[in-house]
Amino acid sequence: MTTERVYTIPLRDVKNVPRSIRAPRAVRFVKEFLQKHMKSEEIIIDSSINEKIWERGIQKIPSKIKVKAVKNDKGKVEATLDSN
């Protein structure tokens, strides 16, 4: 049985860190958010999420990002950028 959910992850709290580390911190924040909400340790983030966060450089991250997370039977979560 697979579980599929769409999350809008707020990244505004990440903007309170120094500008030079915002994008890497945002990627880690997305991973931590999914670990907490999907209750899984094994999270695989698709390159489309990474590219969306890094789109405008290291300093100007988006304020929120929409992600589709799919958890398979073994507890592995794969996250992709939601197109809607």
Protein backbone atom coordinates (compact mmCIF):
# COMPACT_ATOMS: atom_id res chain seq x y z
CA MET A 1 0.00 0.00 0.00
CA THR A 2 1.49 3.31 -1.06
CA THR A 3 0.71 6.66 0.52
CA GLU A 4 0.69 9.74 -1.67
CA ARG A 5 0.43 13.28 -0.30
CA VAL A 6 0.91 16.81 -1.58
CA TYR A 7 2.52 19.30 0.82
CA THR A 8 3.06 23.04 0.55
CA ILE A 9 6.28 23.45 2.51
CA PRO A 10 6.84 26.98 3.91
CA LEU A 11 10.46 28.07 3.54
CA ARG A 12 10.08 31.52 5.13
CA ASP A 13 11.80 30.39 8.36
CA VAL A 14 14.88 29.45 6.34
CA LYS A 15 15.19 33.11 5.30
CA ASN A 16 16.25 33.95 8.88
CA VAL A 17 19.69 32.39 8.29
CA PRO A 18 22.67 34.16 6.64
CA ARG A 19 22.16 34.74 2.91
CA SER A 20 25.15 32.65 1.89
CA ILE A 21 23.67 29.38 3.26
CA ARG A 22 19.95 29.75 2.43
CA ALA A 23 19.59 27.31 -0.47
CA PRO A 24 21.51 24.42 1.14
CA ARG A 25 19.57 24.97 4.39
CA ALA A 26 16.28 24.97 2.46
CA VAL A 27 17.08 21.58 0.90
CA ARG A 28 17.82 20.17 4.35
CA PHE A 29 14.61 21.75 5.71
CA VAL A 30 12.52 20.04 2.98
CA LYS A 31 14.07 16.70 3.91
CA GLU A 32 13.44 17.24 7.65
CA PHE A 33 9.85 18.34 6.96
CA LEU A 34 9.14 15.17 4.99
CA GLN A 35 10.79 12.97 7.64
CA LYS A 36 8.53 14.51 10.27
CA HIS A 37 5.27 14.42 8.31
CA MET A 38 5.69 11.13 6.43
CA LYS A 39 7.27 9.36 9.45
CA SER A 40 10.15 7.86 7.53
CA GLU A 41 13.93 8.10 7.81
CA GLU A 42 14.65 7.34 4.15
CA ILE A 43 13.80 10.37 2.01
CA ILE A 44 14.79 10.75 -1.65
CA ILE A 45 14.47 14.28 -3.03
CA ASP A 46 14.12 14.61 -6.79
CA SER A 47 16.43 16.96 -8.68
CA SER A 48 13.41 19.09 -9.71
CA ILE A 49 12.97 20.22 -6.08
CA ASN A 50 16.66 21.03 -5.83
CA GLU A 51 16.56 23.00 -9.09
CA LYS A 52 13.47 24.96 -7.97
CA ILE A 53 15.17 25.99 -4.71
CA TRP A 54 18.42 26.95 -6.46
CA GLU A 55 16.64 28.61 -9.43
CA ARG A 56 17.43 32.19 -8.35
CA GLY A 57 20.73 31.44 -6.66
CA ILE A 58 21.91 30.68 -3.14
CA GLN A 59 20.41 33.83 -1.57
CA LYS A 60 16.92 34.12 -3.07
CA ILE A 61 14.99 30.99 -2.21
CA PRO A 62 11.23 30.69 -2.85
CA SER A 63 8.98 31.46 0.13
CA LYS A 64 7.16 28.13 -0.28
CA ILE A 65 7.37 25.04 -2.42
CA LYS A 66 4.73 22.47 -3.39
CA VAL A 67 5.93 18.87 -3.15
CA LYS A 68 4.33 15.50 -3.93
CA ALA A 69 5.57 12.75 -1.59
CA VAL A 70 4.98 9.04 -2.25
CA LYS A 71 5.73 6.49 0.47
CA ASN A 72 6.08 2.89 -0.68
CA ASP A 73 5.57 -0.36 1.27
CA LYS A 74 9.13 -0.43 2.59
CA GLY A 75 8.86 3.04 4.14
CA LYS A 76 10.93 4.78 1.48
CA VAL A 77 9.66 8.27 0.53
CA GLU A 78 10.26 9.78 -2.91
CA ALA A 79 9.53 13.49 -3.26
CA THR A 80 9.02 15.36 -6.54
CA LEU A 81 7.97 18.88 -7.42
CA ASP A 82 4.17 19.11 -7.76
CA SER A 83 3.18 20.41 -11.17
CA ASN A 84 -0.25 21.76 -10.19
